[in-house]
Amino acid sequence: MAAHRDAEGWVLDGTARHVLDGDRVDRLAVVTDAGVFAIAANLVSARRTAVFDPVLHVADLSFCEVRVPDSARLTVDRERAHHMALTGMAITMVGACQRILDLALEHVRSRQQFGVPIGSFQAVQHKAADMHVAVERARALAYFAALTIAADDPRRRLAAAMAKASAGECQSLVFRHGLQLHGAMGFTWENDLQFALKRAKAGELMLGGAAEHRARIAEEYRAADF
């Protein structure tokens, strides 16, 4: 996004792609090469783009000589805002993974084979236990990241990366096991599992995946003075 001054304030031009909820908010925080501006959403053209998660709103925003006053320019710690976004996405993914686990447990407790619930089989229990451990680990790291941001702790950069990486690894495991425990039912449109699976996977694809954030964590440790 480009911003330049004129006699009345600032003029914004450009396109912002894949903006989360960009088509249904009242105000936007627009990051440009000249800073961050808060503007009314009705000043831009928003077009919702189709993604594999049917309930996720993602839009492309077009800015064509959008004029804003000097007062619209914000004083923002952009790095801190990025950490907040990572942590918020990690928490969203943890919630989706918890929903997958809940649905899987409900299914294995009610689905019977050989006259008993399939949840009584040890192999099924192992997968459910692995899912639980992954969710709780990701939840703990997401909570820790949120606490470091609230306390303005200098560890927040590392904590946010750890939270997003752990949430990404959690969704990968929970996605596989959740589908396997549901069997063929997991692939049907009428099963609510699809919504949680798609939301967890969408979160992994936004703001960097697990591998990218693991690399950032490694860089932090290499640069640290122990």
C-alpha atoms as a PDB file:
ATOM      1  CA  MET A   1       0.000   0.000   0.000  1.00  0.00           C
ATOM      2  CA  ALA A   2       1.257   3.465  -0.941  1.00  0.00           C
ATOM      3  CA  ALA A   3       0.479   6.724   0.832  1.00  0.00           C
ATOM      4  CA  HIS A   4       1.466  10.242  -0.169  1.00  0.00           C
ATOM      5  CA  ARG A   5       0.685  13.677   1.146  1.00  0.00           C
ATOM      6  CA  ASP A   6      -1.430  16.306  -0.510  1.00  0.00           C
ATOM      7  CA  ALA A   7      -2.728  19.688   0.599  1.00  0.00           C
ATOM      8  CA  GLU A   8      -5.582  18.181   2.628  1.00  0.00           C
ATOM      9  CA  GLY A   9      -3.860  15.211   4.268  1.00  0.00           C
ATOM     10  CA  TRP A  10      -3.020  11.806   2.829  1.00  0.00           C
ATOM     11  CA  VAL A  11      -3.959   9.834  -0.277  1.00  0.00           C
ATOM     12  CA  LEU A  12      -3.933   6.017  -0.164  1.00  0.00           C
ATOM     13  CA  ASP A  13      -3.585   3.855  -3.269  1.00  0.00           C
ATOM     14  CA  GLY A  14      -3.123   0.155  -3.855  1.00  0.00           C
ATOM     15  CA  THR A  15      -4.628  -3.243  -3.163  1.00  0.00           C
ATOM     16  CA  ALA A  16      -4.690  -5.271   0.036  1.00  0.00           C
ATOM     17  CA  ARG A  17      -5.278  -8.960  -0.624  1.00  0.00           C
ATOM     18  CA  HIS A  18      -6.738 -11.677   1.576  1.00  0.00           C
ATOM     19  CA  VAL A  19      -7.825  -9.358   4.386  1.00  0.00           C
ATOM     20  CA  LEU A  20      -9.558 -11.295   7.140  1.00  0.00           C
ATOM     21  CA  ASP A  21     -13.145 -10.009   7.592  1.00  0.00           C
ATOM     22  CA  GLY A  22     -12.296  -7.206   5.178  1.00  0.00           C
ATOM     23  CA  ASP A  23     -15.789  -7.231   3.671  1.00  0.00           C
ATOM     24  CA  ARG A  24     -17.782  -6.893   6.887  1.00  0.00           C
ATOM     25  CA  VAL A  25     -16.038  -4.474   9.248  1.00  0.00           C
ATOM     26  CA  ASP A  26     -16.811  -0.813   9.901  1.00  0.00           C
ATOM     27  CA  ARG A  27     -13.234   0.408  10.168  1.00  0.00           C
ATOM     28  CA  LEU A  28      -9.874  -0.698   8.812  1.00  0.00           C
ATOM     29  CA  ALA A  29      -6.294  -0.312  10.008  1.00  0.00           C
ATOM     30  CA  VAL A  30      -4.333   0.185   6.790  1.00  0.00           C
ATOM     31  CA  VAL A  31      -0.589  -0.473   6.824  1.00  0.00           C
ATOM     32  CA  THR A  32       1.247   1.666   4.255  1.00  0.00           C
ATOM     33  CA  ASP A  33       4.795   2.710   3.507  1.00  0.00           C
ATOM     34  CA  ALA A  34       4.109   5.950   5.403  1.00  0.00           C
ATOM     35  CA  GLY A  35       2.552   4.437   8.509  1.00  0.00           C
ATOM     36  CA  VAL A  36      -0.761   3.000   9.689  1.00  0.00           C
ATOM     37  CA  PHE A  37      -4.073   4.743   9.020  1.00  0.00           C
ATOM     38  CA  ALA A  38      -7.519   4.137  10.527  1.00  0.00           C
ATOM     39  CA  ILE A  39     -10.221   4.642   7.915  1.00  0.00           C
ATOM     40  CA  ALA A  40     -13.906   3.914   7.412  1.00  0.00           C
ATOM     41  CA  ALA A  41     -14.441   0.682   5.499  1.00  0.00           C
ATOM     42  CA  ASN A  42     -16.972   2.305   3.164  1.00  0.00           C
ATOM     43  CA  LEU A  43     -14.170   4.350   1.592  1.00  0.00           C
ATOM     44  CA  VAL A  44     -12.742   1.287  -0.155  1.00  0.00           C
ATOM     45  CA  SER A  45     -14.030  -1.369  -2.522  1.00  0.00           C
ATOM     46  CA  ALA A  46     -14.165  -4.841  -0.942  1.00  0.00           C
ATOM     47  CA  ARG A  47     -14.590  -8.089  -2.861  1.00  0.00           C
ATOM     48  CA  ARG A  48     -14.941 -11.320  -0.936  1.00  0.00           C
ATOM     49  CA  THR A  49     -12.699 -14.085  -2.262  1.00  0.00           C
ATOM     50  CA  ALA A  50     -13.671 -17.741  -2.138  1.00  0.00           C
ATOM     51  CA  VAL A  51     -11.627 -19.950   0.191  1.00  0.00           C
ATOM     52  CA  PHE A  52     -12.051 -23.573   1.241  1.00  0.00           C
ATOM     53  CA  ASP A  53     -13.504 -22.558   4.622  1.00  0.00           C
ATOM     54  CA  PRO A  54     -17.092 -21.555   3.746  1.00  0.00           C
ATOM     55  CA  VAL A  55     -17.648 -19.519   6.915  1.00  0.00           C
ATOM     56  CA  LEU A  56     -14.344 -17.623   6.756  1.00  0.00           C
ATOM     57  CA  HIS A  57     -14.576 -14.106   5.329  1.00  0.00           C
ATOM     58  CA  VAL A  58     -11.522 -13.057   3.308  1.00  0.00           C
ATOM     59  CA  ALA A  59     -11.614 -10.079   0.963  1.00  0.00           C
ATOM     60  CA  ASP A  60      -9.466  -8.118  -1.469  1.00  0.00           C
ATOM     61  CA  LEU A  61      -9.604  -4.376  -0.798  1.00  0.00           C
ATOM     62  CA  SER A  62      -9.018  -1.762  -3.501  1.00  0.00           C
ATOM     63  CA  PHE A  63      -7.863   1.736  -2.569  1.00  0.00           C
ATOM     64  CA  CYS A  64      -8.215   4.313  -5.341  1.00  0.00           C
ATOM     65  CA  GLU A  65      -7.113   7.781  -4.227  1.00  0.00           C
ATOM     66  CA  VAL A  66      -8.679   7.356  -0.801  1.00  0.00           C
ATOM     67  CA  ARG A  67      -8.247  10.683   0.987  1.00  0.00           C
ATOM     68  CA  VAL A  68      -7.807  10.750   4.756  1.00  0.00           C
ATOM     69  CA  PRO A  69      -6.883  13.552   7.180  1.00  0.00           C
ATOM     70  CA  ASP A  70      -3.701  13.708   9.245  1.00  0.00           C
ATOM     71  CA  SER A  71      -5.721  12.668  12.293  1.00  0.00           C
ATOM     72  CA  ALA A  72      -6.292   9.232  10.697  1.00  0.00           C
ATOM     73  CA  ARG A  73      -2.615   8.382  10.993  1.00  0.00           C
ATOM     74  CA  LEU A  74      -1.983   6.203  14.039  1.00  0.00           C
ATOM     75  CA  THR A  75       0.952   5.788  16.361  1.00  0.00           C
ATOM     76  CA  VAL A  76       1.278   2.013  16.390  1.00  0.00           C
ATOM     77  CA  ASP A  77       3.923  -0.437  17.538  1.00  0.00           C
ATOM     78  CA  ARG A  78       3.735  -2.548  14.385  1.00  0.00           C
ATOM     79  CA  GLU A  79       5.883  -5.335  15.787  1.00  0.00           C
ATOM     80  CA  ARG A  80       3.655  -5.659  18.847  1.00  0.00           C
ATOM     81  CA  ALA A  81       0.566  -5.631  16.632  1.00  0.00           C
ATOM     82  CA  HIS A  82       2.081  -8.474  14.615  1.00  0.00           C
ATOM     83  CA  HIS A  83       2.678 -10.480  17.785  1.00  0.00           C
ATOM     84  CA  MET A  84      -0.939  -9.889  18.789  1.00  0.00           C
ATOM     85  CA  ALA A  85      -2.151 -11.107  15.397  1.00  0.00           C
ATOM     86  CA  LEU A  86      -0.035 -14.263  15.614  1.00  0.00           C
ATOM     87  CA  THR A  87      -1.275 -15.001  19.111  1.00  0.00           C
ATOM     88  CA  GLY A  88      -4.890 -14.353  18.183  1.00  0.00           C
ATOM     89  CA  MET A  89      -4.617 -16.706  15.229  1.00  0.00           C
ATOM     90  CA  ALA A  90      -2.980 -19.358  17.416  1.00  0.00           C
ATOM     91  CA  ILE A  91      -5.830 -19.113  19.927  1.00  0.00           C
ATOM     92  CA  THR A  92      -8.385 -19.430  17.117  1.00  0.00           C
ATOM     93  CA  MET A  93      -6.622 -22.570  15.892  1.00  0.00           C
ATOM     94  CA  VAL A  94      -6.551 -24.035  19.401  1.00  0.00           C
ATOM     95  CA  GLY A  95     -10.298 -23.498  19.638  1.00  0.00           C
ATOM     96  CA  ALA A  96     -10.848 -25.258  16.307  1.00  0.00           C
ATOM     97  CA  CYS A  97      -8.609 -28.147  17.369  1.00  0.00           C
ATOM     98  CA  GLN A  98     -10.487 -28.466  20.658  1.00  0.00           C
ATOM     99  CA  ARG A  99     -13.728 -28.706  18.681  1.00  0.00           C
ATOM    100  CA  ILE A 100     -12.249 -31.469  16.508  1.00  0.00           C
ATOM    101  CA  LEU A 101     -11.207 -33.366  19.641  1.00  0.00           C
ATOM    102  CA  ASP A 102     -14.646 -32.927  21.225  1.00  0.00           C
ATOM    103  CA  LEU A 103     -16.391 -34.228  18.105  1.00  0.00           C
ATOM    104  CA  ALA A 104     -13.997 -37.168  17.854  1.00  0.00           C
ATOM    105  CA  LEU A 105     -14.568 -38.140  21.490  1.00  0.00           C
ATOM    106  CA  GLU A 106     -18.319 -37.861  21.045  1.00  0.00           C
ATOM    107  CA  HIS A 107     -18.117 -40.138  18.009  1.00  0.00           C
ATOM    108  CA  VAL A 108     -15.912 -42.860  19.530  1.00  0.00           C
ATOM    109  CA  ARG A 109     -18.101 -42.983  22.651  1.00  0.00           C
ATOM    110  CA  SER A 110     -21.305 -43.479  20.668  1.00  0.00           C
ATOM    111  CA  ARG A 111     -20.099 -45.528  17.663  1.00  0.00           C
ATOM    112  CA  GLN A 112     -20.164 -49.241  18.420  1.00  0.00           C
ATOM    113  CA  GLN A 113     -18.316 -52.157  16.863  1.00  0.00           C
ATOM    114  CA  PHE A 114     -18.325 -55.766  18.076  1.00  0.00           C
ATOM    115  CA  GLY A 115     -20.932 -54.752  20.628  1.00  0.00           C
ATOM    116  CA  VAL A 116     -18.803 -52.106  22.388  1.00  0.00           C
ATOM    117  CA  PRO A 117     -17.955 -48.422  21.812  1.00  0.00           C
ATOM    118  CA  ILE A 118     -14.916 -48.061  19.567  1.00  0.00           C
ATOM    119  CA  GLY A 119     -13.491 -45.715  22.177  1.00  0.00           C
ATOM    120  CA  SER A 120     -12.831 -48.759  24.355  1.00  0.00           C
ATOM    121  CA  PHE A 121     -10.164 -49.973  21.912  1.00  0.00           C
ATOM    122  CA  GLN A 122      -6.618 -49.105  22.932  1.00  0.00           C
ATOM    123  CA  ALA A 123      -5.513 -47.962  19.472  1.00  0.00           C
ATOM    124  CA  VAL A 124      -8.375 -45.447  19.401  1.00  0.00           C
ATOM    125  CA  GLN A 125      -7.527 -44.268  22.913  1.00  0.00           C
ATOM    126  CA  HIS A 126      -3.909 -43.675  21.889  1.00  0.00           C
ATOM    127  CA  LYS A 127      -4.973 -41.343  19.077  1.00  0.00           C
ATOM    128  CA  ALA A 128      -7.385 -39.478  21.340  1.00  0.00           C
ATOM    129  CA  ALA A 129      -4.668 -39.083  23.984  1.00  0.00           C
ATOM    130  CA  ASP A 130      -2.209 -37.733  21.405  1.00  0.00           C
ATOM    131  CA  MET A 131      -4.829 -35.222  20.265  1.00  0.00           C
ATOM    132  CA  HIS A 132      -5.458 -34.089  23.840  1.00  0.00           C
ATOM    133  CA  VAL A 133      -1.745 -33.603  24.554  1.00  0.00           C
ATOM    134  CA  ALA A 134      -1.262 -31.596  21.337  1.00  0.00           C
ATOM    135  CA  VAL A 135      -4.222 -29.333  22.101  1.00  0.00           C
ATOM    136  CA  GLU A 136      -3.142 -28.669  25.686  1.00  0.00           C
ATOM    137  CA  ARG A 137       0.437 -27.901  24.648  1.00  0.00           C
ATOM    138  CA  ALA A 138      -0.757 -25.449  22.002  1.00  0.00           C
ATOM    139  CA  ARG A 139      -3.224 -23.890  24.442  1.00  0.00           C
ATOM    140  CA  ALA A 140      -0.550 -23.351  27.089  1.00  0.00           C
ATOM    141  CA  LEU A 141       1.804 -21.664  24.625  1.00  0.00           C
ATOM    142  CA  ALA A 142      -0.995 -19.462  23.264  1.00  0.00           C
ATOM    143  CA  TYR A 143      -1.929 -18.354  26.792  1.00  0.00           C
ATOM    144  CA  PHE A 144       1.719 -17.649  27.577  1.00  0.00           C
ATOM    145  CA  ALA A 145       2.074 -15.547  24.433  1.00  0.00           C
ATOM    146  CA  ALA A 146      -1.026 -13.548  25.387  1.00  0.00           C
ATOM    147  CA  LEU A 147       0.386 -12.943  28.872  1.00  0.00           C
ATOM    148  CA  THR A 148       3.731 -11.711  27.514  1.00  0.00           C
ATOM    149  CA  ILE A 149       1.912  -9.241  25.265  1.00  0.00           C
ATOM    150  CA  ALA A 150      -0.301  -8.000  28.105  1.00  0.00           C
ATOM    151  CA  ALA A 151       2.760  -7.530  30.336  1.00  0.00           C
ATOM    152  CA  ASP A 152       4.855  -6.007  27.538  1.00  0.00           C
ATOM    153  CA  ASP A 153       7.363  -8.776  28.216  1.00  0.00           C
ATOM    154  CA  PRO A 154      10.366  -8.713  25.829  1.00  0.00           C
ATOM    155  CA  ARG A 155       9.863 -12.457  25.325  1.00  0.00           C
ATOM    156  CA  ARG A 156       6.651 -11.790  23.411  1.00  0.00           C
ATOM    157  CA  ARG A 157       8.322 -12.105  20.007  1.00  0.00           C
ATOM    158  CA  LEU A 158       9.567 -15.605  20.806  1.00  0.00           C
ATOM    159  CA  ALA A 159       6.356 -16.543  22.621  1.00  0.00           C
ATOM    160  CA  ALA A 160       4.147 -15.521  19.677  1.00  0.00           C
ATOM    161  CA  ALA A 161       6.248 -17.567  17.249  1.00  0.00           C
ATOM    162  CA  MET A 162       6.126 -20.571  19.594  1.00  0.00           C
ATOM    163  CA  ALA A 163       2.356 -20.256  19.942  1.00  0.00           C
ATOM    164  CA  LYS A 164       1.769 -20.123  16.181  1.00  0.00           C
ATOM    165  CA  ALA A 165       4.201 -22.993  15.521  1.00  0.00           C
ATOM    166  CA  SER A 166       2.637 -25.210  18.177  1.00  0.00           C
ATOM    167  CA  ALA A 167      -0.891 -24.426  16.963  1.00  0.00           C
ATOM    168  CA  GLY A 168       0.154 -25.358  13.422  1.00  0.00           C
ATOM    169  CA  GLU A 169       1.644 -28.662  14.529  1.00  0.00           C
ATOM    170  CA  CYS A 170      -1.436 -29.308  16.654  1.00  0.00           C
ATOM    171  CA  GLN A 171      -3.821 -28.831  13.740  1.00  0.00           C
ATOM    172  CA  SER A 172      -1.768 -31.198  11.589  1.00  0.00           C
ATOM    173  CA  LEU A 173      -1.998 -34.025  14.127  1.00  0.00           C
ATOM    174  CA  VAL A 174      -5.577 -33.340  15.203  1.00  0.00           C
ATOM    175  CA  PHE A 175      -6.683 -33.018  11.570  1.00  0.00           C
ATOM    176  CA  ARG A 176      -5.330 -36.494  10.722  1.00  0.00           C
ATOM    177  CA  HIS A 177      -6.492 -38.260  13.860  1.00  0.00           C
ATOM    178  CA  GLY A 178      -9.878 -36.554  13.903  1.00  0.00           C
ATOM    179  CA  LEU A 179     -10.637 -37.766  10.394  1.00  0.00           C
ATOM    180  CA  GLN A 180      -9.337 -41.263  11.107  1.00  0.00           C
ATOM    181  CA  LEU A 181     -11.414 -41.660  14.258  1.00  0.00           C
ATOM    182  CA  HIS A 182     -14.551 -40.574  12.409  1.00  0.00           C
ATOM    183  CA  GLY A 183     -13.913 -42.986   9.560  1.00  0.00           C
ATOM    184  CA  ALA A 184     -16.038 -42.404   6.468  1.00  0.00           C
ATOM    185  CA  MET A 185     -18.359 -40.098   8.444  1.00  0.00           C
ATOM    186  CA  GLY A 186     -15.559 -37.545   8.656  1.00  0.00           C
ATOM    187  CA  PHE A 187     -15.683 -36.953   4.901  1.00  0.00           C
ATOM    188  CA  THR A 188     -19.412 -36.242   4.694  1.00  0.00           C
ATOM    189  CA  TRP A 189     -20.833 -32.747   4.238  1.00  0.00           C
ATOM    190  CA  GLU A 190     -23.519 -33.256   6.878  1.00  0.00           C
ATOM    191  CA  ASN A 191     -20.929 -33.840   9.612  1.00  0.00           C
ATOM    192  CA  ASP A 192     -19.909 -30.698  11.508  1.00  0.00           C
ATOM    193  CA  LEU A 193     -16.311 -31.932  11.672  1.00  0.00           C
ATOM    194  CA  GLN A 194     -15.586 -30.290   8.312  1.00  0.00           C
ATOM    195  CA  PHE A 195     -16.055 -26.772   9.707  1.00  0.00           C
ATOM    196  CA  ALA A 196     -13.536 -27.185  12.516  1.00  0.00           C
ATOM    197  CA  LEU A 197     -11.062 -28.951  10.221  1.00  0.00           C
ATOM    198  CA  LYS A 198     -11.222 -26.170   7.643  1.00  0.00           C
ATOM    199  CA  ARG A 199     -10.885 -23.405  10.223  1.00  0.00           C
ATOM    200  CA  ALA A 200      -7.827 -25.064  11.794  1.00  0.00           C
ATOM    201  CA  LYS A 201      -6.195 -25.572   8.392  1.00  0.00           C
ATOM    202  CA  ALA A 202      -6.976 -21.997   7.312  1.00  0.00           C
ATOM    203  CA  GLY A 203      -5.259 -20.709  10.437  1.00  0.00           C
ATOM    204  CA  GLU A 204      -2.131 -22.664   9.589  1.00  0.00           C
ATOM    205  CA  LEU A 205      -1.999 -21.020   6.156  1.00  0.00           C
ATOM    206  CA  MET A 206      -2.276 -17.468   7.500  1.00  0.00           C
ATOM    207  CA  LEU A 207       0.564 -15.424   9.025  1.00  0.00           C
ATOM    208  CA  GLY A 208       3.136 -18.145   8.436  1.00  0.00           C
ATOM    209  CA  GLY A 209       3.046 -21.881   9.028  1.00  0.00           C
ATOM    210  CA  ALA A 210       4.643 -24.033  11.708  1.00  0.00           C
ATOM    211  CA  ALA A 211       7.880 -24.586   9.777  1.00  0.00           C
ATOM    212  CA  GLU A 212       8.376 -20.857   9.192  1.00  0.00           C
ATOM    213  CA  HIS A 213       7.883 -20.014  12.851  1.00  0.00           C
ATOM    214  CA  ARG A 214      10.124 -22.873  13.980  1.00  0.00           C
ATOM    215  CA  ALA A 215      12.830 -21.311  11.818  1.00  0.00           C
ATOM    216  CA  ARG A 216      12.259 -17.955  13.533  1.00  0.00           C
ATOM    217  CA  ILE A 217      12.520 -19.611  16.944  1.00  0.00           C
ATOM    218  CA  ALA A 218      15.831 -21.176  15.908  1.00  0.00           C
ATOM    219  CA  GLU A 219      17.107 -17.761  14.789  1.00  0.00           C
ATOM    220  CA  GLU A 220      16.149 -16.270  18.150  1.00  0.00           C
ATOM    221  CA  TYR A 221      18.089 -18.942  20.011  1.00  0.00           C
ATOM    222  CA  ARG A 222      21.121 -18.617  17.743  1.00  0.00           C
ATOM    223  CA  ALA A 223      21.209 -14.885  18.390  1.00  0.00           C
ATOM    224  CA  ALA A 224      20.667 -15.214  22.148  1.00  0.00           C
ATOM    225  CA  ASP A 225      23.510 -14.524  24.571  1.00  0.00           C
ATOM    226  CA  PHE A 226      23.230 -17.321  27.127  1.00  0.00           C
END
